[in-house]
Amino acid sequence: MPRNPVQFQKGMSDADFERLYGTEKQCRDALFAWRWPKGFCCPVCGGDKYSFIETRALFQCSTCRSQISLIAGTIFHSTKLPLKTWFRAICHITQSKGGISSLELARRLGVTQNTAWKISHKLMQVMHEREAKKPLTGRVEMDDAYIGGKRKCKRGRGAAGKVPFVAAVETTDEGKPQRMKLQPVTRFTRQAVSMAARSILTGECFVITDGLPCFMAVSGQGFSHLPLRTSGNKALQDSTFKWVNTVLGNVKCALVGTYRALSGKHVSRYLSSFGYRFNRRFSLPDMFARLAYVALRTPPMPYRLLKLADDYT
């Protein structure tokens, strides 16, 4: 049986990381190239001439004399950590299929667990904002799921401590999975599913769901919708919802195995990080640079905002 070329990608090894980003200067040079691909551009006046103030690590525009930090206005804004530490964190987060816990990340980076948590959640916020800009299209399998918490008395839907979310997988005409979206909702009602559908789908979607009544809201948003009643029909369930079920199984196993437990108020970041890696799995070595590039274009996320509950429908 031939190997899956996606699964057996080499990715970025520790040796590759040290060769490319082993020094602080290499990290700064890489950030400069990603932030200003066409050369320095002053954010105040647009000037392209500058001088570098080594004592303060600032760029000074030769036209308007404004002083600009390489990381100002980015997700790295005001960080006291070396850029190499951030780069190592990006490497670990992008090259780990199931993610990495803040405790394990702290051990690898040589920082406290609290610092590692801030780093990982800021980077997952970058993934979250990036994923929000790319809705699914074409044939989409959609299903409902729960994650987290313990069952207390009540079983099944609505069990205490669990976060409900909608899982959607875009497939090709040949039935191969392309991209996925995992969208938390407050509960499985038509209003909540309607808002989730508007967020993760485009008008060209053909959506296949089970017969859960709340999914009728998908049709109300103008999407082509095929609800299927699969109760007791395992063959239909396995064939029609193959990839969304596969994705859900992988995500739940990875979350339990990597994080053990997670806070429900931050669940959208965790789910978005899985989606981000899955949707870019065809080029694992490039995922590092792609996340760093987007991080430079994501506004700062102070800790006081980072620790707040996620805002999801």
Protein backbone atom coordinates (compact mmCIF):
# COMPACT_ATOMS: atom_id res chain seq x y z
CA MET A 1 0.00 0.00 0.00
CA PRO A 2 1.56 3.35 -1.04
CA ARG A 3 2.35 5.90 1.62
CA ASN A 4 0.18 8.97 2.00
CA PRO A 5 2.43 11.81 0.74
CA VAL A 6 0.68 14.33 3.02
CA GLN A 7 1.08 12.22 6.13
CA PHE A 8 4.76 11.47 5.50
CA GLN A 9 5.98 15.02 4.82
CA LYS A 10 9.30 15.85 6.46
CA GLY A 11 8.26 19.24 7.78
CA MET A 12 10.75 21.54 9.53
CA SER A 13 13.30 19.64 11.60
CA ASP A 14 15.29 21.04 14.54
CA ALA A 15 18.34 21.13 12.28
CA ASP A 16 16.43 23.12 9.65
CA PHE A 17 15.23 25.55 12.30
CA GLU A 18 18.73 26.16 13.65
CA ARG A 19 20.08 26.67 10.14
CA LEU A 20 17.41 29.18 9.16
CA TYR A 21 16.53 30.90 12.46
CA GLY A 22 19.25 29.90 14.90
CA THR A 23 20.25 33.46 15.83
CA GLU A 24 18.35 36.58 16.83
CA LYS A 25 19.70 38.38 13.76
CA GLN A 26 18.35 35.70 11.44
CA CYS A 27 14.94 36.03 13.09
CA ARG A 28 14.94 39.81 12.74
CA ASP A 29 16.03 39.59 9.10
CA ALA A 30 13.23 37.13 8.39
CA LEU A 31 10.63 39.38 10.07
CA PHE A 32 11.90 42.37 8.09
CA ALA A 33 11.53 40.46 4.81
CA TRP A 34 8.01 39.28 5.72
CA ARG A 35 6.82 42.68 6.98
CA TRP A 36 8.29 44.69 4.10
CA PRO A 37 8.64 42.31 1.12
CA LYS A 38 9.41 45.22 -1.23
CA GLY A 39 11.75 46.98 1.18
CA PHE A 40 11.17 49.33 4.10
CA CYS A 41 8.00 51.42 3.96
CA CYS A 42 7.30 53.99 6.66
CA PRO A 43 3.76 53.47 8.05
CA VAL A 44 3.48 57.25 8.66
CA CYS A 45 4.60 58.83 5.38
CA GLY A 46 5.36 55.89 3.09
CA GLY A 47 9.03 56.76 2.77
CA ASP A 48 11.46 54.01 1.74
CA LYS A 49 14.69 55.42 3.20
CA TYR A 50 15.70 54.69 6.79
CA SER A 51 18.49 54.45 9.28
CA PHE A 52 18.75 51.81 12.00
CA ILE A 53 19.18 52.83 15.66
CA GLU A 54 21.12 49.87 17.04
CA THR A 55 20.90 50.86 20.72
CA ARG A 56 17.09 50.77 20.62
CA ALA A 57 16.56 48.36 17.69
CA LEU A 58 14.38 50.92 15.89
CA PHE A 59 14.09 51.99 12.26
CA GLN A 60 14.02 55.76 11.71
CA CYS A 61 12.41 57.08 8.56
CA SER A 62 14.74 59.46 6.73
CA THR A 63 11.79 61.52 5.44
CA CYS A 64 9.56 62.16 8.46
CA ARG A 65 11.98 61.04 11.20
CA SER A 66 9.40 58.65 12.66
CA GLN A 67 10.83 55.76 14.64
CA ILE A 68 9.31 52.34 13.98
CA SER A 69 9.78 49.06 15.79
CA LEU A 70 9.91 45.92 13.67
CA ILE A 71 7.20 44.30 15.81
CA ALA A 72 5.02 47.35 16.53
CA GLY A 73 1.35 46.80 15.74
CA THR A 74 1.81 43.04 15.34
CA ILE A 75 1.00 40.05 17.52
CA PHE A 76 4.59 40.33 18.87
CA HIS A 77 3.97 43.91 20.02
CA SER A 78 5.86 44.94 23.20
CA THR A 79 7.23 41.44 23.79
CA LYS A 80 10.24 41.14 26.10
CA LEU A 81 11.08 37.66 24.84
CA PRO A 82 13.74 37.00 22.21
CA LEU A 83 12.33 36.58 18.72
CA LYS A 84 14.00 33.17 18.56
CA THR A 85 11.71 32.03 21.40
CA TRP A 86 8.66 33.14 19.42
CA PHE A 87 10.00 31.44 16.30
CA ARG A 88 10.53 28.19 18.18
CA ALA A 89 6.97 28.39 19.48
CA ILE A 90 5.65 28.91 15.93
CA CYS A 91 7.67 25.89 14.81
CA HIS A 92 6.30 23.64 17.56
CA ILE A 93 2.71 24.77 17.04
CA THR A 94 2.72 24.42 13.25
CA GLN A 95 4.70 21.19 12.99
CA SER A 96 2.69 19.29 15.64
CA LYS A 97 -0.38 17.70 14.06
CA GLY A 98 -2.29 17.54 17.32
CA GLY A 99 -1.04 20.83 18.75
CA ILE A 100 1.08 21.24 21.87
CA SER A 101 0.06 22.00 25.46
CA SER A 102 1.32 25.13 27.20
CA LEU A 103 3.11 22.97 29.79
CA GLU A 104 5.01 21.03 27.14
CA LEU A 105 5.71 24.23 25.21
CA ALA A 106 7.09 25.82 28.41
CA ARG A 107 9.55 22.92 28.82
CA ARG A 108 10.76 23.19 25.24
CA LEU A 109 11.13 26.97 25.26
CA GLY A 110 12.58 27.25 28.76
CA VAL A 111 9.91 29.70 29.95
CA THR A 112 7.17 29.56 32.59
CA GLN A 113 3.87 27.84 31.86
CA ASN A 114 2.04 31.17 32.07
CA THR A 115 4.34 32.69 29.45
CA ALA A 116 3.95 29.66 27.19
CA TRP A 117 0.16 29.92 27.55
CA LYS A 118 0.24 33.56 26.43
CA ILE A 119 2.47 32.75 23.45
CA SER A 120 0.37 29.81 22.30
CA HIS A 121 -2.93 31.66 22.67
CA LYS A 122 -1.65 34.71 20.82
CA LEU A 123 -0.53 32.49 17.96
CA MET A 124 -3.82 30.58 18.03
CA GLN A 125 -5.60 33.96 17.88
CA VAL A 126 -3.68 34.64 14.67
CA MET A 127 -4.90 31.30 13.30
CA HIS A 128 -8.45 32.08 14.45
CA GLU A 129 -8.58 35.45 12.71
CA ARG A 130 -7.00 34.05 9.55
CA GLU A 131 -9.44 31.14 9.34
CA ALA A 132 -12.42 33.47 9.78
CA LYS A 133 -11.58 35.13 6.45
CA LYS A 134 -11.79 31.92 4.38
CA PRO A 135 -15.29 30.34 4.27
CA LEU A 136 -15.97 26.94 2.72
CA THR A 137 -17.41 26.37 -0.74
CA GLY A 138 -18.62 23.48 -2.90
CA ARG A 139 -19.85 20.22 -1.36
CA VAL A 140 -19.80 20.42 2.44
CA GLU A 141 -20.51 17.74 5.04
CA MET A 142 -21.83 19.26 8.28
CA ASP A 143 -22.47 17.72 11.68
CA ASP A 144 -23.00 18.66 15.32
CA ALA A 145 -20.58 17.81 18.12
CA TYR A 146 -19.68 18.52 21.73
CA ILE A 147 -16.33 18.84 23.41
CA GLY A 148 -14.94 19.19 26.94
CA GLY A 149 -16.36 18.88 30.44
CA LYS A 150 -17.75 15.96 32.42
CA ARG A 151 -21.17 14.42 32.22
CA LYS A 152 -23.13 15.24 35.37
CA CYS A 153 -26.43 13.42 35.72
CA LYS A 154 -27.82 14.37 32.34
CA ARG A 155 -26.51 12.44 29.34
CA GLY A 156 -26.58 13.09 25.61
CA ARG A 157 -27.27 16.51 24.10
CA GLY A 158 -26.88 19.38 26.51
CA ALA A 159 -24.75 17.49 29.05
CA ALA A 160 -23.29 19.86 31.63
CA GLY A 161 -19.85 21.31 31.01
CA LYS A 162 -19.73 20.59 27.30
CA VAL A 163 -19.26 23.13 24.50
CA PRO A 164 -21.37 22.55 21.37
CA PHE A 165 -19.83 23.24 17.98
CA VAL A 166 -20.60 22.76 14.30
CA ALA A 167 -18.11 20.78 12.20
CA ALA A 168 -18.05 21.30 8.42
CA VAL A 169 -15.74 19.65 5.88
CA GLU A 170 -15.40 20.81 2.27
CA THR A 171 -14.76 17.96 -0.19
CA THR A 172 -13.83 17.70 -3.86
CA ASP A 173 -16.12 16.25 -6.52
CA GLU A 174 -14.23 12.99 -6.05
CA GLY A 175 -15.06 13.00 -2.34
CA LYS A 176 -11.61 13.95 -1.03
CA PRO A 177 -11.43 16.33 1.97
CA GLN A 178 -10.06 19.79 1.25
CA ARG A 179 -10.75 22.18 4.14
CA MET A 180 -12.68 22.20 7.39
CA LYS A 181 -14.30 24.63 9.80
CA LEU A 182 -15.07 24.09 13.48
CA GLN A 183 -17.47 26.75 14.78
CA PRO A 184 -18.59 26.87 18.44
CA VAL A 185 -22.24 27.77 19.11
CA THR A 186 -24.15 28.55 22.28
CA ARG A 187 -26.60 25.72 21.65
CA PHE A 188 -28.05 23.77 18.74
CA THR A 189 -30.94 26.01 17.79
CA ARG A 190 -31.95 27.24 14.34
CA GLN A 191 -30.80 30.76 15.14
CA ALA A 192 -27.36 29.63 16.33
CA VAL A 193 -26.86 27.27 13.37
CA SER A 194 -28.04 30.00 10.99
CA MET A 195 -25.39 32.41 12.30
CA ALA A 196 -22.71 29.69 12.17
CA ALA A 197 -23.63 28.86 8.56
CA ARG A 198 -23.31 32.51 7.51
CA SER A 199 -19.90 32.62 9.17
CA ILE A 200 -18.33 29.49 7.69
CA LEU A 201 -20.06 28.99 4.31
CA THR A 202 -20.34 30.84 1.01
CA GLY A 203 -23.37 31.04 -1.26
CA GLU A 204 -22.04 28.34 -3.63
CA CYS A 205 -22.16 25.60 -0.99
CA PHE A 206 -24.10 22.35 -1.28
CA VAL A 207 -24.53 21.29 2.35
CA ILE A 208 -25.29 17.75 3.52
CA THR A 209 -26.46 17.29 7.12
CA ASP A 210 -28.35 14.76 9.19
CA GLY A 211 -31.99 15.25 10.10
CA LEU A 212 -31.42 17.33 13.24
CA PRO A 213 -34.15 20.04 13.16
CA CYS A 214 -31.76 22.93 13.82
CA PHE A 215 -29.95 22.22 10.53
CA MET A 216 -33.07 23.27 8.64
CA ALA A 217 -31.77 26.81 9.21
CA VAL A 218 -29.09 26.13 6.57
CA SER A 219 -31.75 26.19 3.85
CA GLY A 220 -33.09 29.45 5.24
CA GLN A 221 -29.77 31.13 4.53
CA GLY A 222 -30.01 30.39 0.81
CA PHE A 223 -27.61 27.43 0.70
CA SER A 224 -28.38 24.26 -1.24
CA HIS A 225 -29.19 21.81 1.54
CA LEU A 226 -29.75 18.06 1.65
CA PRO A 227 -30.90 16.80 5.09
CA LEU A 228 -30.62 13.02 5.49
CA ARG A 229 -32.25 10.95 8.19
CA THR A 230 -29.59 8.39 9.11
CA SER A 231 -31.12 6.90 12.26
CA GLY A 232 -30.39 3.17 12.21
CA ASN A 233 -28.75 3.35 8.77
CA LYS A 234 -25.06 2.91 9.57
CA ALA A 235 -24.05 2.35 5.94
CA LEU A 236 -25.56 5.69 4.89
CA GLN A 237 -24.00 7.45 7.88
CA ASP A 238 -20.53 6.04 7.13
CA SER A 239 -20.60 6.82 3.42
CA THR A 240 -22.24 10.24 3.44
CA PHE A 241 -20.54 11.75 6.48
CA LYS A 242 -17.24 9.89 6.19
CA TRP A 243 -14.93 12.87 6.32
CA VAL A 244 -16.70 15.03 8.88
CA ASN A 245 -16.81 12.00 11.20
CA THR A 246 -13.12 11.30 10.54
CA VAL A 247 -12.20 14.90 11.29
CA LEU A 248 -14.26 14.94 14.49
CA GLY A 249 -12.63 11.73 15.68
CA ASN A 250 -9.13 13.08 15.01
CA VAL A 251 -9.82 16.42 16.67
CA LYS A 252 -11.33 14.90 19.81
CA CYS A 253 -8.52 12.36 20.19
CA ALA A 254 -5.88 15.07 19.72
CA LEU A 255 -7.52 17.41 22.22
CA VAL A 256 -7.79 14.70 24.87
CA GLY A 257 -4.29 13.40 24.22
CA THR A 258 -2.57 16.80 24.04
CA TYR A 259 -4.45 19.10 26.39
CA ARG A 260 -6.33 16.62 28.62
CA ALA A 261 -8.71 19.43 29.56
CA LEU A 262 -9.37 22.90 28.19
CA SER A 263 -11.38 25.93 29.16
CA GLY A 264 -14.66 26.26 27.35
CA LYS A 265 -14.29 30.02 27.08
CA HIS A 266 -11.21 29.64 24.84
CA VAL A 267 -12.42 26.66 22.82
CA SER A 268 -12.78 28.57 19.53
CA ARG A 269 -9.01 29.25 19.46
CA TYR A 270 -8.21 25.59 20.00
CA LEU A 271 -10.63 24.52 17.28
CA SER A 272 -9.36 27.18 14.87
CA SER A 273 -5.77 26.00 15.38
CA PHE A 274 -6.80 22.50 14.29
CA GLY A 275 -8.57 23.93 11.26
CA TYR A 276 -5.58 26.10 10.38
CA ARG A 277 -3.17 23.15 10.38
CA PHE A 278 -5.57 20.83 8.58
CA ASN A 279 -6.32 23.33 5.82
CA ARG A 280 -2.59 23.84 5.15
CA ARG A 281 -1.50 20.23 5.60
CA PHE A 282 -0.44 19.86 1.96
CA SER A 283 2.69 21.95 2.56
CA LEU A 284 3.90 21.33 6.09
CA PRO A 285 7.37 22.96 5.71
CA ASP A 286 5.80 26.22 4.50
CA MET A 287 3.34 26.47 7.40
CA PHE A 288 5.95 28.07 9.67
CA ALA A 289 6.62 31.03 7.38
CA ARG A 290 2.92 31.42 6.56
CA LEU A 291 1.94 31.75 10.21
CA ALA A 292 4.81 34.15 10.96
CA TYR A 293 3.80 36.26 7.94
CA VAL A 294 0.18 36.48 9.11
CA ALA A 295 1.28 37.17 12.71
CA LEU A 296 2.95 40.35 11.46
CA ARG A 297 -0.41 41.45 10.03
CA THR A 298 -2.50 40.62 13.10
CA PRO A 299 -3.16 43.44 15.62
CA PRO A 300 -1.73 43.15 19.15
CA MET A 301 -3.64 40.98 21.62
CA PRO A 302 -2.96 42.17 25.20
CA TYR A 303 -3.31 39.64 28.00
CA ARG A 304 -6.38 41.42 29.43
CA LEU A 305 -8.17 40.67 26.13
CA LEU A 306 -6.57 37.29 25.64
CA LYS A 307 -7.98 35.85 28.86
CA LEU A 308 -11.55 37.00 28.18
CA ALA A 309 -14.14 34.50 27.04
CA ASP A 310 -14.41 33.87 23.32
CA ASP A 311 -17.21 35.67 21.54
CA TYR A 312 -19.08 33.04 19.57
CA THR A 313 -22.71 32.66 18.62
